[in-house]
Amino acid sequence: MIDIKLILLILLVHWFADFVMQSDEEARNKHKNIERLVDHTFSYSATWFFVSMAIMFVWNLPPKFLWFAPITFVFHTLTDYYTSKINHSYYRRNRIHSFFVSVGFDQWLHYVQLFLTYWWLSK
């Protein structure tokens, strides 16, 4: 079973890595520029790499948890490749409710990936 402190940490790190660490340039252009997308997902995953090392130490997790960041890089990139295009389309057409619904679903997909990756690496 996953510890509540670990759940809250995963949520906090995701928020920090996905929003705080994402530049305005990346946010505005990742839907049309693969370099901006990869810049974003690389910094996101690098944040996870350093946090994963700390989590491994604090929770005494095995070295296979170093795979958390590369797995997250792949899935975050794939998710944002599609969702950023969908989100931009809604935003551009001033469909603000649909935009936020889509952003919320994008976040849900990220949470599912993060928790499934943790679960899988915990086996």
PDB file of N, CA and C in Angstrom:
ATOM      1  N   MET A   1       0.844  -1.187   0.000  1.00  0.00           N
ATOM      2  CA  MET A   1       0.000   0.000   0.000  1.00  0.00           C
ATOM      3  C   MET A   1       0.887   1.247   0.000  1.00  0.00           C
ATOM      4  N   ILE A   2       0.488   2.239  -0.728  1.00  0.00           N
ATOM      5  CA  ILE A   2       1.271   3.477  -0.840  1.00  0.00           C
ATOM      6  C   ILE A   2       0.982   4.380   0.370  1.00  0.00           C
ATOM      7  N   ASP A   3       2.014   4.929   0.920  1.00  0.00           N
ATOM      8  CA  ASP A   3       1.949   5.809   2.093  1.00  0.00           C
ATOM      9  C   ASP A   3       1.330   7.159   1.699  1.00  0.00           C
ATOM     10  N   ILE A   4       0.471   7.710   2.574  1.00  0.00           N
ATOM     11  CA  ILE A   4      -0.188   8.998   2.277  1.00  0.00           C
ATOM     12  C   ILE A   4       0.851  10.092   2.067  1.00  0.00           C
ATOM     13  N   LYS A   5       1.967  10.043   2.790  1.00  0.00           N
ATOM     14  CA  LYS A   5       3.018  11.056   2.604  1.00  0.00           C
ATOM     15  C   LYS A   5       3.609  10.955   1.201  1.00  0.00           C
ATOM     16  N   LEU A   6       3.725   9.732   0.714  1.00  0.00           N
ATOM     17  CA  LEU A   6       4.251   9.538  -0.642  1.00  0.00           C
ATOM     18  C   LEU A   6       3.247  10.025  -1.684  1.00  0.00           C
ATOM     19  N   ILE A   7       1.974   9.786  -1.452  1.00  0.00           N
ATOM     20  CA  ILE A   7       0.931  10.284  -2.365  1.00  0.00           C
ATOM     21  C   ILE A   7       1.001  11.804  -2.449  1.00  0.00           C
ATOM     22  N   LEU A   8       1.047  12.457  -1.298  1.00  0.00           N
ATOM     23  CA  LEU A   8       1.096  13.922  -1.284  1.00  0.00           C
ATOM     24  C   LEU A   8       2.371  14.437  -1.922  1.00  0.00           C
ATOM     25  N   LEU A   9       3.482  13.742  -1.718  1.00  0.00           N
ATOM     26  CA  LEU A   9       4.740  14.142  -2.344  1.00  0.00           C
ATOM     27  C   LEU A   9       4.661  14.019  -3.865  1.00  0.00           C
ATOM     28  N   ILE A  10       4.090  12.932  -4.352  1.00  0.00           N
ATOM     29  CA  ILE A  10       3.950  12.745  -5.803  1.00  0.00           C
ATOM     30  C   ILE A  10       3.086  13.861  -6.394  1.00  0.00           C
ATOM     31  N   LEU A  11       1.999  14.204  -5.732  1.00  0.00           N
ATOM     32  CA  LEU A  11       1.135  15.287  -6.221  1.00  0.00           C
ATOM     33  C   LEU A  11       1.881  16.624  -6.226  1.00  0.00           C
ATOM     34  N   LEU A  12       2.619  16.903  -5.169  1.00  0.00           N
ATOM     35  CA  LEU A  12       3.368  18.159  -5.073  1.00  0.00           C
ATOM     36  C   LEU A  12       4.472  18.240  -6.119  1.00  0.00           C
ATOM     37  N   VAL A  13       5.238  17.174  -6.263  1.00  0.00           N
ATOM     38  CA  VAL A  13       6.330  17.176  -7.247  1.00  0.00           C
ATOM     39  C   VAL A  13       5.775  17.301  -8.655  1.00  0.00           C
ATOM     40  N   HIS A  14       4.664  16.623  -8.923  1.00  0.00           N
ATOM     41  CA  HIS A  14       4.055  16.748 -10.255  1.00  0.00           C
ATOM     42  C   HIS A  14       3.670  18.204 -10.519  1.00  0.00           C
ATOM     43  N   TRP A  15       2.996  18.839  -9.575  1.00  0.00           N
ATOM     44  CA  TRP A  15       2.614  20.248  -9.747  1.00  0.00           C
ATOM     45  C   TRP A  15       3.854  21.106  -9.998  1.00  0.00           C
ATOM     46  N   PHE A  16       4.861  20.945  -9.180  1.00  0.00           N
ATOM     47  CA  PHE A  16       6.077  21.753  -9.318  1.00  0.00           C
ATOM     48  C   PHE A  16       6.748  21.519 -10.673  1.00  0.00           C
ATOM     49  N   ALA A  17       6.935  20.253 -11.033  1.00  0.00           N
ATOM     50  CA  ALA A  17       7.644  19.921 -12.267  1.00  0.00           C
ATOM     51  C   ALA A  17       6.842  20.287 -13.515  1.00  0.00           C
ATOM     52  N   ASP A  18       5.522  20.126 -13.456  1.00  0.00           N
ATOM     53  CA  ASP A  18       4.696  20.340 -14.650  1.00  0.00           C
ATOM     54  C   ASP A  18       4.313  21.803 -14.844  1.00  0.00           C
ATOM     55  N   PHE A  19       4.196  22.564 -13.773  1.00  0.00           N
ATOM     56  CA  PHE A  19       3.745  23.951 -13.899  1.00  0.00           C
ATOM     57  C   PHE A  19       4.841  24.964 -13.573  1.00  0.00           C
ATOM     58  N   VAL A  20       5.468  24.827 -12.430  1.00  0.00           N
ATOM     59  CA  VAL A  20       6.483  25.803 -12.023  1.00  0.00           C
ATOM     60  C   VAL A  20       7.707  25.717 -12.923  1.00  0.00           C
ATOM     61  N   MET A  21       8.152  24.511 -13.236  1.00  0.00           N
ATOM     62  CA  MET A  21       9.364  24.331 -14.039  1.00  0.00           C
ATOM     63  C   MET A  21       9.136  24.559 -15.543  1.00  0.00           C
ATOM     64  N   GLN A  22       7.896  24.622 -15.966  1.00  0.00           N
ATOM     65  CA  GLN A  22       7.596  24.827 -17.391  1.00  0.00           C
ATOM     66  C   GLN A  22       7.660  26.321 -17.720  1.00  0.00           C
ATOM     67  N   SER A  23       8.494  26.659 -18.682  1.00  0.00           N
ATOM     68  CA  SER A  23       8.618  28.065 -19.077  1.00  0.00           C
ATOM     69  C   SER A  23       7.396  28.506 -19.883  1.00  0.00           C
ATOM     70  N   ASP A  24       7.225  29.814 -19.967  1.00  0.00           N
ATOM     71  CA  ASP A  24       6.150  30.371 -20.780  1.00  0.00           C
ATOM     72  C   ASP A  24       6.322  29.951 -22.242  1.00  0.00           C
ATOM     73  N   GLU A  25       7.558  29.962 -22.708  1.00  0.00           N
ATOM     74  CA  GLU A  25       7.872  29.548 -24.085  1.00  0.00           C
ATOM     75  C   GLU A  25       7.436  28.104 -24.338  1.00  0.00           C
ATOM     76  N   GLU A  26       7.731  27.231 -23.404  1.00  0.00           N
ATOM     77  CA  GLU A  26       7.338  25.825 -23.552  1.00  0.00           C
ATOM     78  C   GLU A  26       5.818  25.687 -23.535  1.00  0.00           C
ATOM     79  N   ALA A  27       5.174  26.357 -22.580  1.00  0.00           N
ATOM     80  CA  ALA A  27       3.721  26.255 -22.454  1.00  0.00           C
ATOM     81  C   ALA A  27       3.002  26.750 -23.706  1.00  0.00           C
ATOM     82  N   ARG A  28       3.505  27.833 -24.297  1.00  0.00           N
ATOM     83  CA  ARG A  28       2.850  28.426 -25.463  1.00  0.00           C
ATOM     84  C   ARG A  28       3.137  27.684 -26.771  1.00  0.00           C
ATOM     85  N   ASN A  29       4.226  26.914 -26.814  1.00  0.00           N
ATOM     86  CA  ASN A  29       4.645  26.365 -28.098  1.00  0.00           C
ATOM     87  C   ASN A  29       4.789  24.853 -28.162  1.00  0.00           C
ATOM     88  N   LYS A  30       4.599  24.146 -27.058  1.00  0.00           N
ATOM     89  CA  LYS A  30       4.809  22.694 -27.089  1.00  0.00           C
ATOM     90  C   LYS A  30       3.806  21.978 -27.993  1.00  0.00           C
ATOM     91  N   HIS A  31       2.673  22.600 -28.275  1.00  0.00           N
ATOM     92  CA  HIS A  31       1.686  21.972 -29.158  1.00  0.00           C
ATOM     93  C   HIS A  31       2.141  21.956 -30.619  1.00  0.00           C
ATOM     94  N   LYS A  32       3.098  22.845 -30.971  1.00  0.00           N
ATOM     95  CA  LYS A  32       3.506  22.940 -32.382  1.00  0.00           C
ATOM     96  C   LYS A  32       5.003  22.773 -32.594  1.00  0.00           C
ATOM     97  N   ASN A  33       5.779  22.702 -31.510  1.00  0.00           N
ATOM     98  CA  ASN A  33       7.233  22.635 -31.629  1.00  0.00           C
ATOM     99  C   ASN A  33       7.741  21.504 -30.745  1.00  0.00           C
ATOM    100  N   ILE A  34       8.209  20.434 -31.385  1.00  0.00           N
ATOM    101  CA  ILE A  34       8.648  19.248 -30.644  1.00  0.00           C
ATOM    102  C   ILE A  34       9.822  19.565 -29.716  1.00  0.00           C
ATOM    103  N   GLU A  35      10.668  20.521 -30.097  1.00  0.00           N
ATOM    104  CA  GLU A  35      11.791  20.892 -29.224  1.00  0.00           C
ATOM    105  C   GLU A  35      11.292  21.502 -27.916  1.00  0.00           C
ATOM    106  N   ARG A  36      10.258  22.366 -27.991  1.00  0.00           N
ATOM    107  CA  ARG A  36       9.712  22.950 -26.764  1.00  0.00           C
ATOM    108  C   ARG A  36       9.047  21.874 -25.910  1.00  0.00           C
ATOM    109  N   LEU A  37       8.377  20.926 -26.571  1.00  0.00           N
ATOM    110  CA  LEU A  37       7.757  19.819 -25.849  1.00  0.00           C
ATOM    111  C   LEU A  37       8.814  18.994 -25.115  1.00  0.00           C
ATOM    112  N   VAL A  38       9.881  18.649 -25.809  1.00  0.00           N
ATOM    113  CA  VAL A  38      10.932  17.842 -25.193  1.00  0.00           C
ATOM    114  C   VAL A  38      11.679  18.641 -24.123  1.00  0.00           C
ATOM    115  N   ASP A  39      11.858  19.938 -24.333  1.00  0.00           N
ATOM    116  CA  ASP A  39      12.450  20.768 -23.270  1.00  0.00           C
ATOM    117  C   ASP A  39      11.612  20.650 -21.992  1.00  0.00           C
ATOM    118  N   HIS A  40      10.302  20.771 -22.161  1.00  0.00           N
ATOM    119  CA  HIS A  40       9.400  20.679 -21.006  1.00  0.00           C
ATOM    120  C   HIS A  40       9.475  19.298 -20.356  1.00  0.00           C
ATOM    121  N   THR A  41       9.331  18.246 -21.148  1.00  0.00           N
ATOM    122  CA  THR A  41       9.281  16.908 -20.558  1.00  0.00           C
ATOM    123  C   THR A  41      10.650  16.471 -20.025  1.00  0.00           C
ATOM    124  N   PHE A  42      11.720  17.022 -20.573  1.00  0.00           N
ATOM    125  CA  PHE A  42      13.047  16.716 -20.018  1.00  0.00           C
ATOM    126  C   PHE A  42      13.213  17.361 -18.643  1.00  0.00           C
ATOM    127  N   SER A  43      12.860  18.637 -18.512  1.00  0.00           N
ATOM    128  CA  SER A  43      12.994  19.284 -17.196  1.00  0.00           C
ATOM    129  C   SER A  43      12.030  18.650 -16.194  1.00  0.00           C
ATOM    130  N   TYR A  44      10.843  18.276 -16.642  1.00  0.00           N
ATOM    131  CA  TYR A  44       9.883  17.570 -15.789  1.00  0.00           C
ATOM    132  C   TYR A  44      10.501  16.273 -15.271  1.00  0.00           C
ATOM    133  N   SER A  45      11.071  15.498 -16.177  1.00  0.00           N
ATOM    134  CA  SER A  45      11.638  14.199 -15.809  1.00  0.00           C
ATOM    135  C   SER A  45      12.929  14.338 -15.019  1.00  0.00           C
ATOM    136  N   ALA A  46      13.706  15.363 -15.299  1.00  0.00           N
ATOM    137  CA  ALA A  46      14.924  15.599 -14.507  1.00  0.00           C
ATOM    138  C   ALA A  46      14.549  15.894 -13.055  1.00  0.00           C
ATOM    139  N   THR A  47      13.491  16.663 -12.870  1.00  0.00           N
ATOM    140  CA  THR A  47      13.004  16.914 -11.514  1.00  0.00           C
ATOM    141  C   THR A  47      12.649  15.596 -10.846  1.00  0.00           C
ATOM    142  N   TRP A  48      11.952  14.735 -11.570  1.00  0.00           N
ATOM    143  CA  TRP A  48      11.588  13.429 -11.030  1.00  0.00           C
ATOM    144  C   TRP A  48      12.807  12.564 -10.745  1.00  0.00           C
ATOM    145  N   PHE A  49      13.852  12.684 -11.547  1.00  0.00           N
ATOM    146  CA  PHE A  49      15.060  11.891 -11.301  1.00  0.00           C
ATOM    147  C   PHE A  49      15.646  12.224  -9.929  1.00  0.00           C
ATOM    148  N   PHE A  50      15.788  13.513  -9.648  1.00  0.00           N
ATOM    149  CA  PHE A  50      16.358  13.922  -8.369  1.00  0.00           C
ATOM    150  C   PHE A  50      15.439  13.576  -7.199  1.00  0.00           C
ATOM    151  N   VAL A  51      14.159  13.739  -7.400  1.00  0.00           N
ATOM    152  CA  VAL A  51      13.211  13.374  -6.342  1.00  0.00           C
ATOM    153  C   VAL A  51      13.206  11.857  -6.132  1.00  0.00           C
ATOM    154  N   SER A  52      13.278  11.101  -7.210  1.00  0.00           N
ATOM    155  CA  SER A  52      13.303   9.637  -7.095  1.00  0.00           C
ATOM    156  C   SER A  52      14.501   9.167  -6.283  1.00  0.00           C
ATOM    157  N   MET A  53      15.633   9.805  -6.505  1.00  0.00           N
ATOM    158  CA  MET A  53      16.815   9.429  -5.716  1.00  0.00           C
ATOM    159  C   MET A  53      16.563   9.689  -4.241  1.00  0.00           C
ATOM    160  N   ALA A  54      15.955  10.811  -3.908  1.00  0.00           N
ATOM    161  CA  ALA A  54      15.659  11.131  -2.509  1.00  0.00           C
ATOM    162  C   ALA A  54      14.623  10.158  -1.933  1.00  0.00           C
ATOM    163  N   ILE A  55      13.585   9.873  -2.725  1.00  0.00           N
ATOM    164  CA  ILE A  55      12.544   8.939  -2.280  1.00  0.00           C
ATOM    165  C   ILE A  55      13.157   7.555  -2.030  1.00  0.00           C
ATOM    166  N   MET A  56      14.050   7.134  -2.903  1.00  0.00           N
ATOM    167  CA  MET A  56      14.704   5.834  -2.727  1.00  0.00           C
ATOM    168  C   MET A  56      15.430   5.779  -1.378  1.00  0.00           C
ATOM    169  N   PHE A  57      16.067   6.862  -1.031  1.00  0.00           N
ATOM    170  CA  PHE A  57      16.812   6.913   0.226  1.00  0.00           C
ATOM    171  C   PHE A  57      15.864   6.950   1.425  1.00  0.00           C
ATOM    172  N   VAL A  58      14.891   7.845   1.407  1.00  0.00           N
ATOM    173  CA  VAL A  58      13.986   8.035   2.546  1.00  0.00           C
ATOM    174  C   VAL A  58      13.108   6.808   2.771  1.00  0.00           C
ATOM    175  N   TRP A  59      12.541   6.242   1.691  1.00  0.00           N
ATOM    176  CA  TRP A  59      11.639   5.103   1.822  1.00  0.00           C
ATOM    177  C   TRP A  59      12.357   3.770   1.600  1.00  0.00           C
ATOM    178  N   ASN A  60      13.669   3.821   1.455  1.00  0.00           N
ATOM    179  CA  ASN A  60      14.474   2.613   1.290  1.00  0.00           C
ATOM    180  C   ASN A  60      13.967   1.740   0.136  1.00  0.00           C
ATOM    181  N   LEU A  61      13.801   2.364  -1.017  1.00  0.00           N
ATOM    182  CA  LEU A  61      13.308   1.663  -2.203  1.00  0.00           C
ATOM    183  C   LEU A  61      14.486   1.112  -3.002  1.00  0.00           C
ATOM    184  N   PRO A  62      14.249   0.058  -3.771  1.00  0.00           N
ATOM    185  CA  PRO A  62      15.342  -0.558  -4.532  1.00  0.00           C
ATOM    186  C   PRO A  62      15.812   0.329  -5.698  1.00  0.00           C
ATOM    187  N   PRO A  63      17.026   0.051  -6.207  1.00  0.00           N
ATOM    188  CA  PRO A  63      17.594   0.855  -7.305  1.00  0.00           C
ATOM    189  C   PRO A  63      16.753   0.903  -8.571  1.00  0.00           C
ATOM    190  N   LYS A  64      15.863  -0.064  -8.758  1.00  0.00           N
ATOM    191  CA  LYS A  64      15.027  -0.039  -9.969  1.00  0.00           C
ATOM    192  C   LYS A  64      14.163   1.225 -10.034  1.00  0.00           C
ATOM    193  N   PHE A  65      14.024   1.941  -8.909  1.00  0.00           N
ATOM    194  CA  PHE A  65      13.249   3.185  -8.923  1.00  0.00           C
ATOM    195  C   PHE A  65      13.945   4.284  -9.716  1.00  0.00           C
ATOM    196  N   LEU A  66      15.197   4.072 -10.081  1.00  0.00           N
ATOM    197  CA  LEU A  66      15.851   5.028 -10.981  1.00  0.00           C
ATOM    198  C   LEU A  66      15.191   5.011 -12.354  1.00  0.00           C
ATOM    199  N   TRP A  67      14.402   3.989 -12.646  1.00  0.00           N
ATOM    200  CA  TRP A  67      13.650   3.913 -13.901  1.00  0.00           C
ATOM    201  C   TRP A  67      12.417   4.814 -13.890  1.00  0.00           C
ATOM    202  N   PHE A  68      12.052   5.316 -12.727  1.00  0.00           N
ATOM    203  CA  PHE A  68      10.855   6.153 -12.623  1.00  0.00           C
ATOM    204  C   PHE A  68      10.933   7.359 -13.566  1.00  0.00           C
ATOM    205  N   ALA A  69      12.053   8.062 -13.565  1.00  0.00           N
ATOM    206  CA  ALA A  69      12.190   9.271 -14.393  1.00  0.00           C
ATOM    207  C   ALA A  69      12.178   8.960 -15.900  1.00  0.00           C
ATOM    208  N   PRO A  70      12.953   7.972 -16.382  1.00  0.00           N
ATOM    209  CA  PRO A  70      12.878   7.688 -17.830  1.00  0.00           C
ATOM    210  C   PRO A  70      11.505   7.211 -18.292  1.00  0.00           C
ATOM    211  N   ILE A  71      10.841   6.393 -17.481  1.00  0.00           N
ATOM    212  CA  ILE A  71       9.489   5.943 -17.843  1.00  0.00           C
ATOM    213  C   ILE A  71       8.550   7.147 -17.886  1.00  0.00           C
ATOM    214  N   THR A  72       8.681   8.011 -16.896  1.00  0.00           N
ATOM    215  CA  THR A  72       7.852   9.215 -16.838  1.00  0.00           C
ATOM    216  C   THR A  72       8.133  10.132 -18.027  1.00  0.00           C
ATOM    217  N   PHE A  73       9.387  10.248 -18.432  1.00  0.00           N
ATOM    218  CA  PHE A  73       9.727  11.070 -19.602  1.00  0.00           C
ATOM    219  C   PHE A  73       8.959  10.592 -20.833  1.00  0.00           C
ATOM    220  N   VAL A  74       8.990   9.297 -21.083  1.00  0.00           N
ATOM    221  CA  VAL A  74       8.332   8.744 -22.276  1.00  0.00           C
ATOM    222  C   VAL A  74       6.831   9.011 -22.225  1.00  0.00           C
ATOM    223  N   PHE A  75       6.195   8.677 -21.107  1.00  0.00           N
ATOM    224  CA  PHE A  75       4.740   8.802 -21.039  1.00  0.00           C
ATOM    225  C   PHE A  75       4.271  10.246 -20.929  1.00  0.00           C
ATOM    226  N   HIS A  76       5.043  11.085 -20.261  1.00  0.00           N
ATOM    227  CA  HIS A  76       4.656  12.499 -20.186  1.00  0.00           C
ATOM    228  C   HIS A  76       4.773  13.145 -21.574  1.00  0.00           C
ATOM    229  N   THR A  77       5.809  12.787 -22.304  1.00  0.00           N
ATOM    230  CA  THR A  77       5.987  13.323 -23.663  1.00  0.00           C
ATOM    231  C   THR A  77       4.842  12.884 -24.568  1.00  0.00           C
ATOM    232  N   LEU A  78       4.510  11.603 -24.535  1.00  0.00           N
ATOM    233  CA  LEU A  78       3.411  11.104 -25.374  1.00  0.00           C
ATOM    234  C   LEU A  78       2.087  11.762 -25.000  1.00  0.00           C
ATOM    235  N   THR A  79       1.817  11.864 -23.705  1.00  0.00           N
ATOM    236  CA  THR A  79       0.560  12.482 -23.263  1.00  0.00           C
ATOM    237  C   THR A  79       0.486  13.934 -23.717  1.00  0.00           C
ATOM    238  N   ASP A  80       1.533  14.707 -23.426  1.00  0.00           N
ATOM    239  CA  ASP A  80       1.513  16.129 -23.778  1.00  0.00           C
ATOM    240  C   ASP A  80       1.549  16.365 -25.282  1.00  0.00           C
ATOM    241  N   TYR A  81       2.123  15.435 -26.038  1.00  0.00           N
ATOM    242  CA  TYR A  81       2.140  15.585 -27.493  1.00  0.00           C
ATOM    243  C   TYR A  81       0.700  15.733 -28.001  1.00  0.00           C
ATOM    244  N   TYR A  82      -0.184  14.904 -27.480  1.00  0.00           N
ATOM    245  CA  TYR A  82      -1.577  14.941 -27.927  1.00  0.00           C
ATOM    246  C   TYR A  82      -2.414  15.986 -27.174  1.00  0.00           C
ATOM    247  N   THR A  83      -2.307  15.994 -25.860  1.00  0.00           N
ATOM    248  CA  THR A  83      -3.185  16.886 -25.093  1.00  0.00           C
ATOM    249  C   THR A  83      -2.872  18.357 -25.319  1.00  0.00           C
ATOM    250  N   SER A  84      -1.608  18.686 -25.576  1.00  0.00           N
ATOM    251  CA  SER A  84      -1.290  20.098 -25.816  1.00  0.00           C
ATOM    252  C   SER A  84      -1.936  20.589 -27.109  1.00  0.00           C
ATOM    253  N   LYS A  85      -2.045  19.726 -28.099  1.00  0.00           N
ATOM    254  CA  LYS A  85      -2.707  20.096 -29.354  1.00  0.00           C
ATOM    255  C   LYS A  85      -4.216  20.278 -29.129  1.00  0.00           C
ATOM    256  N   ILE A  86      -4.810  19.365 -28.373  1.00  0.00           N
ATOM    257  CA  ILE A  86      -6.232  19.455 -28.067  1.00  0.00           C
ATOM    258  C   ILE A  86      -6.508  20.707 -27.240  1.00  0.00           C
ATOM    259  N   ASN A  87      -5.713  20.916 -26.189  1.00  0.00           N
ATOM    260  CA  ASN A  87      -5.901  22.086 -25.321  1.00  0.00           C
ATOM    261  C   ASN A  87      -5.759  23.385 -26.110  1.00  0.00           C
ATOM    262  N   HIS A  88      -4.747  23.451 -26.954  1.00  0.00           N
ATOM    263  CA  HIS A  88      -4.537  24.669 -27.746  1.00  0.00           C
ATOM    264  C   HIS A  88      -5.726  24.931 -28.671  1.00  0.00           C
ATOM    265  N   SER A  89      -6.251  23.876 -29.259  1.00  0.00           N
ATOM    266  CA  SER A  89      -7.397  24.021 -30.160  1.00  0.00           C
ATOM    267  C   SER A  89      -8.596  24.625 -29.416  1.00  0.00           C
ATOM    268  N   TYR A  90      -8.869  24.131 -28.218  1.00  0.00           N
ATOM    269  CA  TYR A  90      -9.970  24.688 -27.421  1.00  0.00           C
ATOM    270  C   TYR A  90      -9.689  26.142 -27.033  1.00  0.00           C
ATOM    271  N   TYR A  91      -8.470  26.399 -26.600  1.00  0.00           N
ATOM    272  CA  TYR A  91      -8.117  27.751 -26.152  1.00  0.00           C
ATOM    273  C   TYR A  91      -8.221  28.751 -27.309  1.00  0.00           C
ATOM    274  N   ARG A  92      -7.688  28.366 -28.461  1.00  0.00           N
ATOM    275  CA  ARG A  92      -7.703  29.231 -29.639  1.00  0.00           C
ATOM    276  C   ARG A  92      -9.121  29.575 -30.074  1.00  0.00           C
ATOM    277  N   ARG A  93     -10.043  28.634 -29.902  1.00  0.00           N
ATOM    278  CA  ARG A  93     -11.441  28.852 -30.295  1.00  0.00           C
ATOM    279  C   ARG A  93     -12.282  29.425 -29.152  1.00  0.00           C
ATOM    280  N   ASN A  94     -11.608  29.851 -28.087  1.00  0.00           N
ATOM    281  CA  ASN A  94     -12.258  30.470 -26.927  1.00  0.00           C
ATOM    282  C   ASN A  94     -13.293  29.546 -26.279  1.00  0.00           C
ATOM    283  N   ARG A  95     -13.030  28.244 -26.351  1.00  0.00           N
ATOM    284  CA  ARG A  95     -13.889  27.253 -25.686  1.00  0.00           C
ATOM    285  C   ARG A  95     -13.262  26.965 -24.322  1.00  0.00           C
ATOM    286  N   ILE A  96     -13.402  27.923 -23.421  1.00  0.00           N
ATOM    287  CA  ILE A  96     -12.681  27.925 -22.151  1.00  0.00           C
ATOM    288  C   ILE A  96     -13.084  26.750 -21.256  1.00  0.00           C
ATOM    289  N   HIS A  97     -14.364  26.449 -21.177  1.00  0.00           N
ATOM    290  CA  HIS A  97     -14.778  25.309 -20.360  1.00  0.00           C
ATOM    291  C   HIS A  97     -14.156  24.019 -20.897  1.00  0.00           C
ATOM    292  N   SER A  98     -14.236  23.809 -22.200  1.00  0.00           N
ATOM    293  CA  SER A  98     -13.648  22.611 -22.808  1.00  0.00           C
ATOM    294  C   SER A  98     -12.134  22.586 -22.600  1.00  0.00           C
ATOM    295  N   PHE A  99     -11.509  23.747 -22.681  1.00  0.00           N
ATOM    296  CA  PHE A  99     -10.066  23.855 -22.432  1.00  0.00           C
ATOM    297  C   PHE A  99      -9.735  23.343 -21.031  1.00  0.00           C
ATOM    298  N   PHE A 100     -10.453  23.819 -20.008  1.00  0.00           N
ATOM    299  CA  PHE A 100     -10.163  23.404 -18.634  1.00  0.00           C
ATOM    300  C   PHE A 100     -10.523  21.945 -18.380  1.00  0.00           C
ATOM    301  N   VAL A 101     -11.590  21.463 -19.002  1.00  0.00           N
ATOM    302  CA  VAL A 101     -11.924  20.035 -18.899  1.00  0.00           C
ATOM    303  C   VAL A 101     -10.776  19.209 -19.477  1.00  0.00           C
ATOM    304  N   SER A 102     -10.260  19.653 -20.610  1.00  0.00           N
ATOM    305  CA  SER A 102      -9.162  18.945 -21.262  1.00  0.00           C
ATOM    306  C   SER A 102      -7.878  19.014 -20.435  1.00  0.00           C
ATOM    307  N   VAL A 103      -7.573  20.168 -19.876  1.00  0.00           N
ATOM    308  CA  VAL A 103      -6.394  20.301 -19.008  1.00  0.00           C
ATOM    309  C   VAL A 103      -6.548  19.385 -17.789  1.00  0.00           C
ATOM    310  N   GLY A 104      -7.739  19.348 -17.229  1.00  0.00           N
ATOM    311  CA  GLY A 104      -7.988  18.467 -16.089  1.00  0.00           C
ATOM    312  C   GLY A 104      -7.792  17.008 -16.446  1.00  0.00           C
ATOM    313  N   PHE A 105      -8.252  16.600 -17.630  1.00  0.00           N
ATOM    314  CA  PHE A 105      -8.058  15.214 -18.069  1.00  0.00           C
ATOM    315  C   PHE A 105      -6.578  14.927 -18.297  1.00  0.00           C
ATOM    316  N   ASP A 106      -5.860  15.886 -18.865  1.00  0.00           N
ATOM    317  CA  ASP A 106      -4.408  15.763 -19.046  1.00  0.00           C
ATOM    318  C   ASP A 106      -3.737  15.510 -17.692  1.00  0.00           C
ATOM    319  N   GLN A 107      -4.143  16.250 -16.684  1.00  0.00           N
ATOM    320  CA  GLN A 107      -3.564  16.066 -15.351  1.00  0.00           C
ATOM    321  C   GLN A 107      -3.917  14.696 -14.785  1.00  0.00           C
ATOM    322  N   TRP A 108      -5.155  14.260 -15.002  1.00  0.00           N
ATOM    323  CA  TRP A 108      -5.555  12.934 -14.541  1.00  0.00           C
ATOM    324  C   TRP A 108      -4.699  11.852 -15.197  1.00  0.00           C
ATOM    325  N   LEU A 109      -4.450  11.982 -16.503  1.00  0.00           N
ATOM    326  CA  LEU A 109      -3.586  11.015 -17.188  1.00  0.00           C
ATOM    327  C   LEU A 109      -2.190  10.995 -16.576  1.00  0.00           C
ATOM    328  N   HIS A 110      -1.653  12.163 -16.252  1.00  0.00           N
ATOM    329  CA  HIS A 110      -0.325  12.216 -15.621  1.00  0.00           C
ATOM    330  C   HIS A 110      -0.334  11.529 -14.261  1.00  0.00           C
ATOM    331  N   TYR A 111      -1.378  11.784 -13.457  1.00  0.00           N
ATOM    332  CA  TYR A 111      -1.457  11.146 -12.140  1.00  0.00           C
ATOM    333  C   TYR A 111      -1.536   9.627 -12.278  1.00  0.00           C
ATOM    334  N   VAL A 112      -2.353   9.151 -13.206  1.00  0.00           N
ATOM    335  CA  VAL A 112      -2.470   7.708 -13.426  1.00  0.00           C
ATOM    336  C   VAL A 112      -1.103   7.132 -13.786  1.00  0.00           C
ATOM    337  N   GLN A 113      -0.397   7.792 -14.686  1.00  0.00           N
ATOM    338  CA  GLN A 113       0.931   7.301 -15.074  1.00  0.00           C
ATOM    339  C   GLN A 113       1.877   7.276 -13.886  1.00  0.00           C
ATOM    340  N   LEU A 114       1.902   8.337 -13.110  1.00  0.00           N
ATOM    341  CA  LEU A 114       2.824   8.404 -11.973  1.00  0.00           C
ATOM    342  C   LEU A 114       2.527   7.308 -10.953  1.00  0.00           C
ATOM    343  N   PHE A 115       1.267   7.116 -10.614  1.00  0.00           N
ATOM    344  CA  PHE A 115       0.919   6.103  -9.612  1.00  0.00           C
ATOM    345  C   PHE A 115       1.076   4.685 -10.146  1.00  0.00           C
ATOM    346  N   LEU A 116       0.743   4.458 -11.419  1.00  0.00           N
ATOM    347  CA  LEU A 116       0.956   3.126 -11.996  1.00  0.00           C
ATOM    348  C   LEU A 116       2.442   2.800 -12.101  1.00  0.00           C
ATOM    349  N   THR A 117       3.245   3.784 -12.447  1.00  0.00           N
ATOM    350  CA  THR A 117       4.690   3.552 -12.523  1.00  0.00           C
ATOM    351  C   THR A 117       5.231   3.218 -11.142  1.00  0.00           C
ATOM    352  N   TYR A 118       4.819   3.975 -10.140  1.00  0.00           N
ATOM    353  CA  TYR A 118       5.249   3.672  -8.772  1.00  0.00           C
ATOM    354  C   TYR A 118       4.817   2.263  -8.388  1.00  0.00           C
ATOM    355  N   TRP A 119       3.561   1.935  -8.648  1.00  0.00           N
ATOM    356  CA  TRP A 119       3.031   0.605  -8.312  1.00  0.00           C
ATOM    357  C   TRP A 119       3.827  -0.478  -9.010  1.00  0.00           C
ATOM    358  N   TRP A 120       4.070  -0.325 -10.318  1.00  0.00           N
ATOM    359  CA  TRP A 120       4.781  -1.329 -11.096  1.00  0.00           C
ATOM    360  C   TRP A 120       6.205  -1.515 -10.588  1.00  0.00           C
ATOM    361  N   LEU A 121       6.885  -0.408 -10.287  1.00  0.00           N
ATOM    362  CA  LEU A 121       8.262  -0.508  -9.791  1.00  0.00           C
ATOM    363  C   LEU A 121       8.301  -1.056  -8.360  1.00  0.00           C
ATOM    364  N   SER A 122       7.183  -0.984  -7.657  1.00  0.00           N
ATOM    365  CA  SER A 122       7.131  -1.502  -6.282  1.00  0.00           C
ATOM    366  C   SER A 122       6.962  -3.013  -6.225  1.00  0.00           C
ATOM    367  N   LYS A 123       6.583  -3.594  -7.334  1.00  0.00           N
ATOM    368  CA  LYS A 123       6.320  -5.058  -7.348  1.00  0.00           C
ATOM    369  C   LYS A 123       7.602  -5.848  -7.225  1.00  0.00           C
TER     370      LYS A 123
END
